[in-house]
Amino acid sequence: EKIAHREGVGDDLAEGVAAVHDDLDVENWSVKGMDFAAHEGRVLHGQALSYAVANRGADHMYATFYSVEYPLVPTDEAMPMSGFEGKADRLIERENLMALNDAGVVCKFSRDYMNPERYEALFGADFEELLAVGDRIVELERHFNNRRGFDRGDDTLPYADQLDGFDDALDEYYDSRGWTTDGVVPEERVA
């Protein structure tokens, strides 16, 4: 209630952890200034990678990778909660699809109803072409952030040292995206 009404310490806490962690003498548990959602990256390793690389910070909706690890998707699409094997490429697919959903105003909770044929019917385009639009959106967002100083140093987690293979997963993610090892989009890709 104090946060909702901005009373007492609630006034400070309403600004989020990134804004007040120094004043409260606590660790900054955010990514790019965004507080974490309830999906625990120390258990859901793909979601952890997603939190780290998401262009807007620790946003569980950026790729909804938690849905693959719980799983909230069909069994043949699920991945184990721990480890990073195969998750970088799968994360890219999820980011591209969610960027398409955002651009096309498709509800994130439509995962049980949307399939490639429905996307094609909705947008009048080939599904792979639509995913390429999502890829372009993610890359332009990243380029925007890069031009403002964001790079690999911002793609981290307060608990990254507790995740075996996290740095290798970052490398794999950047390589699959065609970015530099510092997480920067090469200028020729956005020209």
N, C-alpha and C. Protein backbone atom coordinates (compact mmCIF):
# COMPACT_ATOMS: atom_id res chain seq x y z
N GLU A 1 0.82 -1.20 0.00
CA GLU A 1 0.00 0.00 0.00
C GLU A 1 0.86 1.26 0.00
N LYS A 2 1.99 1.21 0.72
CA LYS A 2 2.84 2.40 0.77
C LYS A 2 3.41 2.71 -0.61
N ILE A 3 3.74 1.68 -1.40
CA ILE A 3 4.23 1.91 -2.76
C ILE A 3 3.10 2.48 -3.62
N ALA A 4 1.93 1.85 -3.54
CA ALA A 4 0.80 2.29 -4.36
C ALA A 4 0.42 3.74 -4.07
N HIS A 5 0.51 4.12 -2.81
CA HIS A 5 0.12 5.49 -2.43
C HIS A 5 1.32 6.43 -2.29
N ARG A 6 2.51 5.88 -2.59
CA ARG A 6 3.76 6.65 -2.52
C ARG A 6 3.90 7.35 -1.17
N GLU A 7 3.71 6.56 -0.12
CA GLU A 7 3.82 7.07 1.25
C GLU A 7 5.10 6.56 1.88
N GLY A 8 5.83 7.41 2.58
CA GLY A 8 7.03 7.00 3.30
C GLY A 8 8.03 6.35 2.37
N VAL A 9 8.60 5.21 2.79
CA VAL A 9 9.58 4.49 1.99
C VAL A 9 8.97 4.02 0.67
N GLY A 10 7.66 3.87 0.63
CA GLY A 10 6.98 3.46 -0.59
C GLY A 10 7.17 4.44 -1.73
N ASP A 11 7.38 5.72 -1.40
CA ASP A 11 7.62 6.72 -2.44
C ASP A 11 8.92 6.42 -3.16
N ASP A 12 9.95 6.04 -2.40
CA ASP A 12 11.23 5.67 -3.02
C ASP A 12 11.12 4.34 -3.75
N LEU A 13 10.52 3.34 -3.11
CA LEU A 13 10.42 2.00 -3.71
C LEU A 13 9.61 2.01 -5.00
N ALA A 14 8.69 2.93 -5.14
CA ALA A 14 7.88 3.02 -6.36
C ALA A 14 8.75 3.32 -7.58
N GLU A 15 9.93 3.85 -7.37
CA GLU A 15 10.85 4.17 -8.48
C GLU A 15 11.59 2.94 -8.98
N GLY A 16 11.56 1.84 -8.24
CA GLY A 16 12.24 0.60 -8.64
C GLY A 16 13.61 0.47 -8.02
N VAL A 17 14.11 -0.77 -8.04
CA VAL A 17 15.37 -1.10 -7.40
C VAL A 17 16.54 -0.32 -7.99
N ALA A 18 16.59 -0.20 -9.32
CA ALA A 18 17.72 0.47 -9.96
C ALA A 18 17.85 1.92 -9.48
N ALA A 19 16.75 2.56 -9.17
CA ALA A 19 16.77 3.96 -8.77
C ALA A 19 17.13 4.16 -7.30
N VAL A 20 16.85 3.16 -6.45
CA VAL A 20 17.02 3.39 -5.01
C VAL A 20 17.99 2.43 -4.32
N HIS A 21 18.61 1.53 -5.06
CA HIS A 21 19.44 0.53 -4.38
C HIS A 21 20.58 1.16 -3.59
N ASP A 22 21.19 2.21 -4.10
CA ASP A 22 22.28 2.86 -3.34
C ASP A 22 21.75 3.48 -2.05
N ASP A 23 20.63 4.16 -2.14
CA ASP A 23 20.05 4.80 -0.95
C ASP A 23 19.69 3.78 0.12
N LEU A 24 19.27 2.60 -0.31
CA LEU A 24 18.87 1.56 0.64
C LEU A 24 20.01 0.61 0.99
N ASP A 25 21.17 0.83 0.39
CA ASP A 25 22.36 0.00 0.63
C ASP A 25 22.07 -1.48 0.34
N VAL A 26 21.43 -1.71 -0.83
CA VAL A 26 21.17 -3.08 -1.28
C VAL A 26 21.70 -3.22 -2.70
N GLU A 27 21.91 -4.48 -3.10
CA GLU A 27 22.42 -4.76 -4.45
C GLU A 27 21.37 -4.38 -5.49
N ASN A 28 21.84 -3.94 -6.65
CA ASN A 28 20.95 -3.58 -7.74
C ASN A 28 20.53 -4.85 -8.49
N TRP A 29 19.38 -5.38 -8.17
CA TRP A 29 18.85 -6.58 -8.83
C TRP A 29 17.92 -6.15 -9.96
N SER A 30 18.54 -5.62 -11.01
CA SER A 30 17.80 -5.25 -12.19
C SER A 30 18.71 -5.47 -13.40
N VAL A 31 18.13 -5.44 -14.57
CA VAL A 31 18.90 -5.50 -15.81
C VAL A 31 18.48 -4.30 -16.64
N LYS A 32 19.45 -3.49 -17.01
CA LYS A 32 19.19 -2.28 -17.78
C LYS A 32 18.14 -1.40 -17.11
N GLY A 33 18.12 -1.46 -15.78
CA GLY A 33 17.20 -0.63 -15.00
C GLY A 33 15.83 -1.23 -14.77
N MET A 34 15.55 -2.41 -15.31
CA MET A 34 14.25 -3.03 -15.13
C MET A 34 14.32 -4.13 -14.08
N ASP A 35 13.38 -4.09 -13.14
CA ASP A 35 13.28 -5.13 -12.11
C ASP A 35 12.82 -6.45 -12.72
N PHE A 36 13.15 -7.54 -12.05
CA PHE A 36 12.78 -8.87 -12.53
C PHE A 36 11.32 -9.20 -12.25
N ALA A 37 10.77 -10.03 -13.13
CA ALA A 37 9.44 -10.61 -12.90
C ALA A 37 9.62 -11.84 -12.01
N ALA A 38 8.58 -12.58 -11.81
CA ALA A 38 8.59 -13.71 -10.88
C ALA A 38 9.27 -14.95 -11.42
N HIS A 39 9.72 -14.96 -12.65
CA HIS A 39 10.32 -16.16 -13.24
C HIS A 39 11.81 -16.19 -12.93
N GLU A 40 12.22 -17.12 -12.13
CA GLU A 40 13.56 -17.17 -11.54
C GLU A 40 14.61 -17.70 -12.50
N GLY A 41 15.50 -16.81 -12.93
CA GLY A 41 16.54 -17.15 -13.87
C GLY A 41 17.60 -18.09 -13.34
N ARG A 42 17.72 -18.21 -12.03
CA ARG A 42 18.69 -19.16 -11.49
C ARG A 42 18.17 -20.59 -11.61
N VAL A 43 16.91 -20.73 -11.92
CA VAL A 43 16.29 -22.04 -12.16
C VAL A 43 15.99 -22.22 -13.65
N LEU A 44 15.45 -21.20 -14.27
CA LEU A 44 15.12 -21.21 -15.69
C LEU A 44 16.26 -20.53 -16.44
N HIS A 45 17.24 -21.30 -16.87
CA HIS A 45 18.45 -20.71 -17.43
C HIS A 45 18.23 -20.00 -18.77
N GLY A 46 17.34 -20.50 -19.59
CA GLY A 46 17.02 -19.81 -20.83
C GLY A 46 16.36 -18.47 -20.56
N GLN A 47 15.50 -18.44 -19.54
CA GLN A 47 14.87 -17.17 -19.16
C GLN A 47 15.92 -16.21 -18.63
N ALA A 48 16.93 -16.73 -17.93
CA ALA A 48 18.02 -15.88 -17.45
C ALA A 48 18.74 -15.23 -18.63
N LEU A 49 19.06 -16.03 -19.65
CA LEU A 49 19.71 -15.48 -20.83
C LEU A 49 18.81 -14.44 -21.49
N SER A 50 17.53 -14.72 -21.54
CA SER A 50 16.57 -13.79 -22.12
C SER A 50 16.55 -12.47 -21.34
N TYR A 51 16.52 -12.55 -20.01
CA TYR A 51 16.57 -11.33 -19.19
C TYR A 51 17.81 -10.51 -19.53
N ALA A 52 18.95 -11.18 -19.65
CA ALA A 52 20.22 -10.47 -19.85
C ALA A 52 20.28 -9.75 -21.18
N VAL A 53 19.80 -10.38 -22.25
CA VAL A 53 19.96 -9.79 -23.58
C VAL A 53 18.77 -8.96 -24.05
N ALA A 54 17.65 -9.04 -23.36
CA ALA A 54 16.47 -8.29 -23.79
C ALA A 54 16.79 -6.80 -23.89
N ASN A 55 16.38 -6.20 -24.97
CA ASN A 55 16.73 -4.81 -25.23
C ASN A 55 16.13 -3.84 -24.23
N ARG A 56 15.09 -4.23 -23.52
CA ARG A 56 14.49 -3.31 -22.56
C ARG A 56 14.73 -3.74 -21.11
N GLY A 57 15.59 -4.73 -20.89
CA GLY A 57 15.92 -5.15 -19.54
C GLY A 57 15.26 -6.45 -19.16
N ALA A 58 15.16 -6.71 -17.87
CA ALA A 58 14.71 -8.01 -17.35
C ALA A 58 13.21 -8.21 -17.57
N ASP A 59 12.81 -8.21 -18.80
CA ASP A 59 11.40 -8.30 -19.16
C ASP A 59 11.05 -9.72 -19.57
N HIS A 60 10.23 -10.39 -18.78
CA HIS A 60 9.87 -11.78 -19.08
C HIS A 60 8.99 -11.89 -20.33
N MET A 61 8.40 -10.81 -20.76
CA MET A 61 7.54 -10.84 -21.93
C MET A 61 8.28 -10.59 -23.24
N TYR A 62 9.54 -10.19 -23.17
CA TYR A 62 10.30 -9.89 -24.38
C TYR A 62 10.44 -11.11 -25.28
N ALA A 63 10.65 -12.26 -24.68
CA ALA A 63 10.73 -13.51 -25.46
C ALA A 63 9.82 -14.59 -24.89
N THR A 64 9.25 -14.36 -23.74
CA THR A 64 8.42 -15.34 -23.03
C THR A 64 9.09 -16.72 -22.98
N PHE A 65 10.42 -16.73 -22.75
CA PHE A 65 11.15 -17.99 -22.76
C PHE A 65 10.75 -18.90 -21.62
N TYR A 66 10.27 -18.34 -20.52
CA TYR A 66 9.80 -19.16 -19.40
C TYR A 66 8.78 -20.18 -19.85
N SER A 67 7.99 -19.84 -20.88
CA SER A 67 6.94 -20.74 -21.34
C SER A 67 7.51 -22.02 -21.95
N VAL A 68 8.72 -21.96 -22.44
CA VAL A 68 9.38 -23.12 -23.04
C VAL A 68 9.97 -24.02 -21.95
N GLU A 69 10.35 -23.42 -20.83
CA GLU A 69 11.02 -24.17 -19.78
C GLU A 69 10.08 -24.70 -18.69
N TYR A 70 8.91 -24.12 -18.49
CA TYR A 70 8.03 -24.63 -17.43
C TYR A 70 7.49 -26.03 -17.72
N PRO A 71 7.01 -26.45 -18.78
CA PRO A 71 6.67 -25.79 -20.03
C PRO A 71 5.18 -25.48 -20.12
N LEU A 72 4.89 -24.40 -20.82
CA LEU A 72 3.53 -24.01 -21.14
C LEU A 72 3.27 -24.22 -22.62
N VAL A 73 4.18 -24.89 -23.27
CA VAL A 73 4.10 -25.20 -24.70
C VAL A 73 3.98 -26.71 -24.85
N PRO A 74 3.61 -27.21 -26.03
CA PRO A 74 3.55 -28.66 -26.23
C PRO A 74 4.90 -29.33 -25.88
N THR A 75 4.84 -30.54 -25.41
CA THR A 75 6.02 -31.28 -24.95
C THR A 75 7.15 -31.29 -25.96
N ASP A 76 6.81 -31.44 -27.24
CA ASP A 76 7.86 -31.50 -28.26
C ASP A 76 8.54 -30.14 -28.49
N GLU A 77 7.99 -29.06 -27.94
CA GLU A 77 8.60 -27.74 -28.05
C GLU A 77 9.31 -27.31 -26.76
N ALA A 78 9.18 -28.12 -25.70
CA ALA A 78 9.73 -27.78 -24.39
C ALA A 78 11.24 -28.00 -24.34
N MET A 79 11.87 -27.29 -23.42
CA MET A 79 13.31 -27.44 -23.16
C MET A 79 13.51 -27.60 -21.67
N PRO A 80 14.60 -28.25 -21.26
CA PRO A 80 14.85 -28.40 -19.81
C PRO A 80 15.09 -27.03 -19.16
N MET A 81 14.78 -26.96 -17.88
CA MET A 81 14.96 -25.70 -17.15
C MET A 81 16.42 -25.31 -17.01
N SER A 82 17.28 -26.27 -16.73
CA SER A 82 18.68 -25.93 -16.48
C SER A 82 19.53 -26.14 -17.72
N GLY A 83 20.64 -25.44 -17.75
CA GLY A 83 21.57 -25.53 -18.87
C GLY A 83 21.21 -24.57 -19.99
N PHE A 84 22.18 -24.40 -20.88
CA PHE A 84 22.01 -23.45 -21.98
C PHE A 84 22.05 -24.11 -23.35
N GLU A 85 22.22 -25.41 -23.41
CA GLU A 85 22.37 -26.07 -24.69
C GLU A 85 21.15 -25.85 -25.59
N GLY A 86 21.41 -25.30 -26.78
CA GLY A 86 20.36 -25.05 -27.76
C GLY A 86 19.47 -23.86 -27.47
N LYS A 87 19.70 -23.20 -26.36
CA LYS A 87 18.78 -22.14 -25.95
C LYS A 87 19.03 -20.80 -26.64
N ALA A 88 20.25 -20.52 -27.06
CA ALA A 88 20.52 -19.24 -27.72
C ALA A 88 19.72 -19.13 -29.02
N ASP A 89 19.78 -20.16 -29.84
CA ASP A 89 19.04 -20.12 -31.10
C ASP A 89 17.53 -20.12 -30.86
N ARG A 90 17.08 -20.88 -29.89
CA ARG A 90 15.65 -20.90 -29.57
C ARG A 90 15.20 -19.55 -29.03
N LEU A 91 16.06 -18.91 -28.25
CA LEU A 91 15.74 -17.58 -27.73
C LEU A 91 15.57 -16.59 -28.88
N ILE A 92 16.44 -16.66 -29.86
CA ILE A 92 16.33 -15.77 -31.02
C ILE A 92 15.00 -15.97 -31.73
N GLU A 93 14.60 -17.21 -31.91
CA GLU A 93 13.29 -17.50 -32.53
C GLU A 93 12.17 -16.88 -31.72
N ARG A 94 12.24 -17.03 -30.39
CA ARG A 94 11.19 -16.48 -29.51
C ARG A 94 11.19 -14.95 -29.55
N GLU A 95 12.36 -14.34 -29.52
CA GLU A 95 12.42 -12.87 -29.58
C GLU A 95 11.83 -12.37 -30.88
N ASN A 96 12.18 -13.01 -31.98
CA ASN A 96 11.67 -12.59 -33.28
C ASN A 96 10.16 -12.71 -33.34
N LEU A 97 9.63 -13.81 -32.81
CA LEU A 97 8.18 -14.03 -32.81
C LEU A 97 7.47 -13.00 -31.92
N MET A 98 8.03 -12.73 -30.75
CA MET A 98 7.39 -11.77 -29.85
C MET A 98 7.48 -10.35 -30.41
N ALA A 99 8.57 -10.02 -31.12
CA ALA A 99 8.66 -8.70 -31.77
C ALA A 99 7.60 -8.58 -32.85
N LEU A 100 7.38 -9.68 -33.59
CA LEU A 100 6.32 -9.70 -34.58
C LEU A 100 4.96 -9.51 -33.91
N ASN A 101 4.74 -10.22 -32.80
CA ASN A 101 3.47 -10.06 -32.07
C ASN A 101 3.27 -8.62 -31.62
N ASP A 102 4.33 -8.01 -31.09
CA ASP A 102 4.21 -6.63 -30.63
C ASP A 102 3.88 -5.69 -31.79
N ALA A 103 4.59 -5.86 -32.91
CA ALA A 103 4.36 -4.99 -34.07
C ALA A 103 2.98 -5.20 -34.67
N GLY A 104 2.51 -6.44 -34.63
CA GLY A 104 1.21 -6.76 -35.21
C GLY A 104 0.06 -6.72 -34.23
N VAL A 105 0.33 -6.32 -32.98
CA VAL A 105 -0.66 -6.23 -31.91
C VAL A 105 -1.37 -7.59 -31.75
N VAL A 106 -0.55 -8.63 -31.60
CA VAL A 106 -1.05 -9.99 -31.35
C VAL A 106 -0.82 -10.29 -29.88
N CYS A 107 -1.83 -10.70 -29.18
CA CYS A 107 -1.74 -10.97 -27.75
C CYS A 107 -0.70 -12.05 -27.46
N LYS A 108 0.13 -11.81 -26.45
CA LYS A 108 1.16 -12.78 -26.06
C LYS A 108 0.53 -14.07 -25.54
N PHE A 109 -0.68 -14.00 -25.06
CA PHE A 109 -1.34 -15.19 -24.52
C PHE A 109 -2.07 -15.99 -25.59
N SER A 110 -1.85 -15.65 -26.84
CA SER A 110 -2.49 -16.38 -27.95
C SER A 110 -1.69 -17.59 -28.38
N ARG A 111 -0.67 -17.97 -27.60
CA ARG A 111 0.24 -19.05 -28.01
C ARG A 111 -0.48 -20.36 -28.31
N ASP A 112 -1.63 -20.60 -27.69
CA ASP A 112 -2.38 -21.83 -27.95
C ASP A 112 -3.18 -21.75 -29.25
N TYR A 113 -3.31 -20.57 -29.81
CA TYR A 113 -4.15 -20.38 -30.98
C TYR A 113 -3.39 -20.02 -32.24
N MET A 114 -2.27 -19.35 -32.08
CA MET A 114 -1.52 -18.90 -33.25
C MET A 114 -0.57 -19.99 -33.73
N ASN A 115 -0.49 -20.13 -35.03
CA ASN A 115 0.44 -21.06 -35.67
C ASN A 115 0.87 -20.40 -36.97
N PRO A 116 1.87 -20.97 -37.65
CA PRO A 116 2.34 -20.30 -38.87
C PRO A 116 1.23 -19.99 -39.88
N GLU A 117 0.29 -20.88 -40.06
CA GLU A 117 -0.79 -20.64 -41.02
C GLU A 117 -1.66 -19.46 -40.60
N ARG A 118 -1.92 -19.32 -39.31
CA ARG A 118 -2.74 -18.21 -38.84
C ARG A 118 -2.00 -16.87 -38.96
N TYR A 119 -0.69 -16.89 -38.69
CA TYR A 119 0.09 -15.67 -38.91
C TYR A 119 0.04 -15.27 -40.38
N GLU A 120 0.21 -16.24 -41.26
CA GLU A 120 0.19 -15.95 -42.70
C GLU A 120 -1.16 -15.39 -43.13
N ALA A 121 -2.24 -15.96 -42.62
CA ALA A 121 -3.58 -15.47 -42.96
C ALA A 121 -3.81 -14.06 -42.40
N LEU A 122 -3.35 -13.85 -41.17
CA LEU A 122 -3.55 -12.56 -40.51
C LEU A 122 -2.80 -11.43 -41.22
N PHE A 123 -1.55 -11.70 -41.61
CA PHE A 123 -0.71 -10.65 -42.17
C PHE A 123 -0.55 -10.72 -43.69
N GLY A 124 -1.06 -11.77 -44.31
CA GLY A 124 -0.96 -11.90 -45.76
C GLY A 124 0.47 -12.02 -46.25
N ALA A 125 1.29 -12.73 -45.51
CA ALA A 125 2.70 -12.90 -45.88
C ALA A 125 3.18 -14.26 -45.41
N ASP A 126 4.28 -14.72 -46.01
CA ASP A 126 4.90 -15.98 -45.62
C ASP A 126 5.41 -15.89 -44.18
N PHE A 127 5.26 -16.95 -43.41
CA PHE A 127 5.64 -16.95 -42.00
C PHE A 127 7.13 -16.64 -41.81
N GLU A 128 7.98 -17.21 -42.64
CA GLU A 128 9.42 -16.93 -42.52
C GLU A 128 9.73 -15.47 -42.80
N GLU A 129 9.01 -14.86 -43.74
CA GLU A 129 9.19 -13.43 -43.99
C GLU A 129 8.75 -12.60 -42.79
N LEU A 130 7.69 -13.05 -42.13
CA LEU A 130 7.21 -12.35 -40.94
C LEU A 130 8.23 -12.45 -39.81
N LEU A 131 8.82 -13.63 -39.63
CA LEU A 131 9.85 -13.78 -38.60
C LEU A 131 11.07 -12.91 -38.91
N ALA A 132 11.36 -12.72 -40.19
CA ALA A 132 12.47 -11.84 -40.58
C ALA A 132 12.16 -10.40 -40.18
N VAL A 133 10.88 -10.01 -40.21
CA VAL A 133 10.49 -8.68 -39.74
C VAL A 133 10.78 -8.57 -38.24
N GLY A 134 10.41 -9.61 -37.48
CA GLY A 134 10.70 -9.61 -36.05
C GLY A 134 12.19 -9.53 -35.78
N ASP A 135 12.99 -10.26 -36.57
CA ASP A 135 14.44 -10.24 -36.44
C ASP A 135 14.97 -8.82 -36.66
N ARG A 136 14.45 -8.17 -37.67
CA ARG A 136 14.88 -6.80 -38.00
C ARG A 136 14.52 -5.84 -36.87
N ILE A 137 13.36 -6.02 -36.27
CA ILE A 137 12.94 -5.17 -35.15
C ILE A 137 13.91 -5.32 -33.98
N VAL A 138 14.21 -6.56 -33.61
CA VAL A 138 15.12 -6.80 -32.49
C VAL A 138 16.49 -6.19 -32.78
N GLU A 139 16.96 -6.36 -34.01
CA GLU A 139 18.27 -5.84 -34.37
C GLU A 139 18.29 -4.30 -34.35
N LEU A 140 17.24 -3.67 -34.83
CA LEU A 140 17.19 -2.20 -34.80
C LEU A 140 17.08 -1.68 -33.36
N GLU A 141 16.33 -2.37 -32.52
CA GLU A 141 16.27 -1.99 -31.10
C GLU A 141 17.67 -2.06 -30.49
N ARG A 142 18.36 -3.16 -30.79
CA ARG A 142 19.70 -3.35 -30.24
C ARG A 142 20.64 -2.26 -30.76
N HIS A 143 20.56 -1.96 -32.03
CA HIS A 143 21.39 -0.91 -32.62
C HIS A 143 21.12 0.43 -31.93
N PHE A 144 19.86 0.73 -31.70
CA PHE A 144 19.48 1.94 -30.99
C PHE A 144 20.17 1.98 -29.63
N ASN A 145 20.11 0.87 -28.90
CA ASN A 145 20.76 0.80 -27.59
C ASN A 145 22.28 0.91 -27.72
N ASN A 146 22.86 0.23 -28.72
CA ASN A 146 24.31 0.31 -28.93
C ASN A 146 24.75 1.76 -29.13
N ARG A 147 23.99 2.51 -29.89
CA ARG A 147 24.36 3.90 -30.17
C ARG A 147 24.26 4.77 -28.92
N ARG A 148 23.64 4.26 -27.90
CA ARG A 148 23.54 4.96 -26.62
C ARG A 148 24.47 4.36 -25.57
N GLY A 149 25.40 3.50 -26.03
CA GLY A 149 26.44 2.98 -25.14
C GLY A 149 26.22 1.59 -24.59
N PHE A 150 25.09 0.96 -24.89
CA PHE A 150 24.83 -0.39 -24.37
C PHE A 150 25.62 -1.43 -25.16
N ASP A 151 26.20 -2.38 -24.45
CA ASP A 151 26.92 -3.47 -25.08
C ASP A 151 26.90 -4.69 -24.15
N ARG A 152 27.84 -5.60 -24.35
CA ARG A 152 27.89 -6.83 -23.56
C ARG A 152 27.90 -6.55 -22.05
N GLY A 153 28.53 -5.49 -21.65
CA GLY A 153 28.58 -5.14 -20.23
C GLY A 153 27.22 -4.90 -19.62
N ASP A 154 26.23 -4.61 -20.44
CA ASP A 154 24.86 -4.40 -19.95
C ASP A 154 24.03 -5.67 -20.01
N ASP A 155 24.54 -6.68 -20.71
CA ASP A 155 23.84 -7.96 -20.85
C ASP A 155 24.30 -8.91 -19.76
N THR A 156 24.01 -8.54 -18.55
CA THR A 156 24.47 -9.33 -17.42
C THR A 156 23.34 -9.50 -16.42
N LEU A 157 23.61 -10.27 -15.42
CA LEU A 157 22.63 -10.56 -14.37
C LEU A 157 23.33 -10.44 -13.02
N PRO A 158 22.63 -10.07 -11.97
CA PRO A 158 23.29 -10.00 -10.67
C PRO A 158 23.76 -11.37 -10.17
N TYR A 159 23.27 -12.42 -10.77
CA TYR A 159 23.64 -13.78 -10.37
C TYR A 159 24.32 -14.55 -11.50
N ALA A 160 24.86 -13.85 -12.50
CA ALA A 160 25.47 -14.51 -13.66
C ALA A 160 26.59 -15.47 -13.25
N ASP A 161 27.33 -15.13 -12.20
CA ASP A 161 28.43 -15.99 -11.76
C ASP A 161 27.94 -17.32 -11.19
N GLN A 162 26.66 -17.44 -10.93
CA GLN A 162 26.08 -18.69 -10.42
C GLN A 162 25.59 -19.60 -11.54
N LEU A 163 25.71 -19.15 -12.79
CA LEU A 163 25.18 -19.91 -13.92
C LEU A 163 26.33 -20.43 -14.79
N ASP A 164 26.65 -21.70 -14.64
CA ASP A 164 27.70 -22.30 -15.46
C ASP A 164 27.32 -22.21 -16.93
N GLY A 165 28.22 -21.66 -17.72
CA GLY A 165 28.01 -21.58 -19.16
C GLY A 165 27.32 -20.31 -19.62
N PHE A 166 27.06 -19.38 -18.72
CA PHE A 166 26.36 -18.15 -19.11
C PHE A 166 27.14 -17.36 -20.16
N ASP A 167 28.44 -17.15 -19.93
CA ASP A 167 29.24 -16.38 -20.89
C ASP A 167 29.30 -17.07 -22.26
N ASP A 168 29.40 -18.39 -22.25
CA ASP A 168 29.40 -19.13 -23.51
C ASP A 168 28.06 -18.97 -24.23
N ALA A 169 26.97 -18.97 -23.46
CA ALA A 169 25.64 -18.79 -24.06
C ALA A 169 25.51 -17.40 -24.66
N LEU A 170 26.08 -16.38 -24.00
CA LEU A 170 26.09 -15.03 -24.57
C LEU A 170 26.85 -15.01 -25.89
N ASP A 171 28.02 -15.64 -25.90
CA ASP A 171 28.81 -15.72 -27.13
C ASP A 171 28.01 -16.37 -28.25
N GLU A 172 27.34 -17.47 -27.93
CA GLU A 172 26.55 -18.20 -28.93
C GLU A 172 25.40 -17.34 -29.43
N TYR A 173 24.75 -16.63 -28.52
CA TYR A 173 23.65 -15.74 -28.89
C TYR A 173 24.13 -14.65 -29.85
N TYR A 174 25.21 -13.96 -29.49
CA TYR A 174 25.74 -12.90 -30.35
C TYR A 174 26.16 -13.44 -31.71
N ASP A 175 26.82 -14.59 -31.71
CA ASP A 175 27.27 -15.19 -32.96
C ASP A 175 26.08 -15.54 -33.85
N SER A 176 25.05 -16.13 -33.26
CA SER A 176 23.86 -16.50 -34.05
C SER A 176 23.14 -15.27 -34.58
N ARG A 177 23.19 -14.18 -33.85
CA ARG A 177 22.57 -12.93 -34.30
C ARG A 177 23.43 -12.21 -35.34
N GLY A 178 24.72 -12.57 -35.42
CA GLY A 178 25.62 -11.88 -36.34
C GLY A 178 26.18 -10.60 -35.76
N TRP A 179 26.20 -10.50 -34.43
CA TRP A 179 26.72 -9.33 -33.75
C TRP A 179 28.15 -9.58 -33.30
N THR A 180 28.83 -8.55 -32.84
CA THR A 180 30.20 -8.71 -32.36
C THR A 180 30.20 -9.42 -31.01
N THR A 181 31.37 -9.86 -30.58
CA THR A 181 31.47 -10.52 -29.27
C THR A 181 31.18 -9.55 -28.13
N ASP A 182 31.15 -8.26 -28.43
CA ASP A 182 30.76 -7.26 -27.44
C ASP A 182 29.27 -6.96 -27.47
N GLY A 183 28.52 -7.70 -28.30
CA GLY A 183 27.08 -7.48 -28.35
C GLY A 183 26.67 -6.26 -29.14
N VAL A 184 27.48 -5.88 -30.09
CA VAL A 184 27.21 -4.69 -30.90
C VAL A 184 26.81 -5.12 -32.31
N VAL A 185 25.76 -4.50 -32.82
CA VAL A 185 25.31 -4.78 -34.19
C VAL A 185 26.25 -4.07 -35.16
N PRO A 186 26.89 -4.80 -36.06
CA PRO A 186 27.77 -4.15 -37.04
C PRO A 186 26.99 -3.15 -37.88
N GLU A 187 27.59 -2.02 -38.17
CA GLU A 187 26.94 -0.95 -38.91
C GLU A 187 26.38 -1.42 -40.25
N GLU A 188 27.09 -2.30 -40.94
CA GLU A 188 26.62 -2.76 -42.26
C GLU A 188 25.31 -3.53 -42.17
N ARG A 189 24.98 -4.05 -41.00
CA ARG A 189 23.72 -4.79 -40.84
C ARG A 189 22.50 -3.88 -40.71
N VAL A 190 22.73 -2.64 -40.38
CA VAL A 190 21.60 -1.71 -40.18
C VAL A 190 21.56 -0.62 -41.23
N ALA A 191 22.47 -0.65 -42.17
CA ALA A 191 22.51 0.36 -43.21
C ALA A 191 21.34 0.23 -44.17
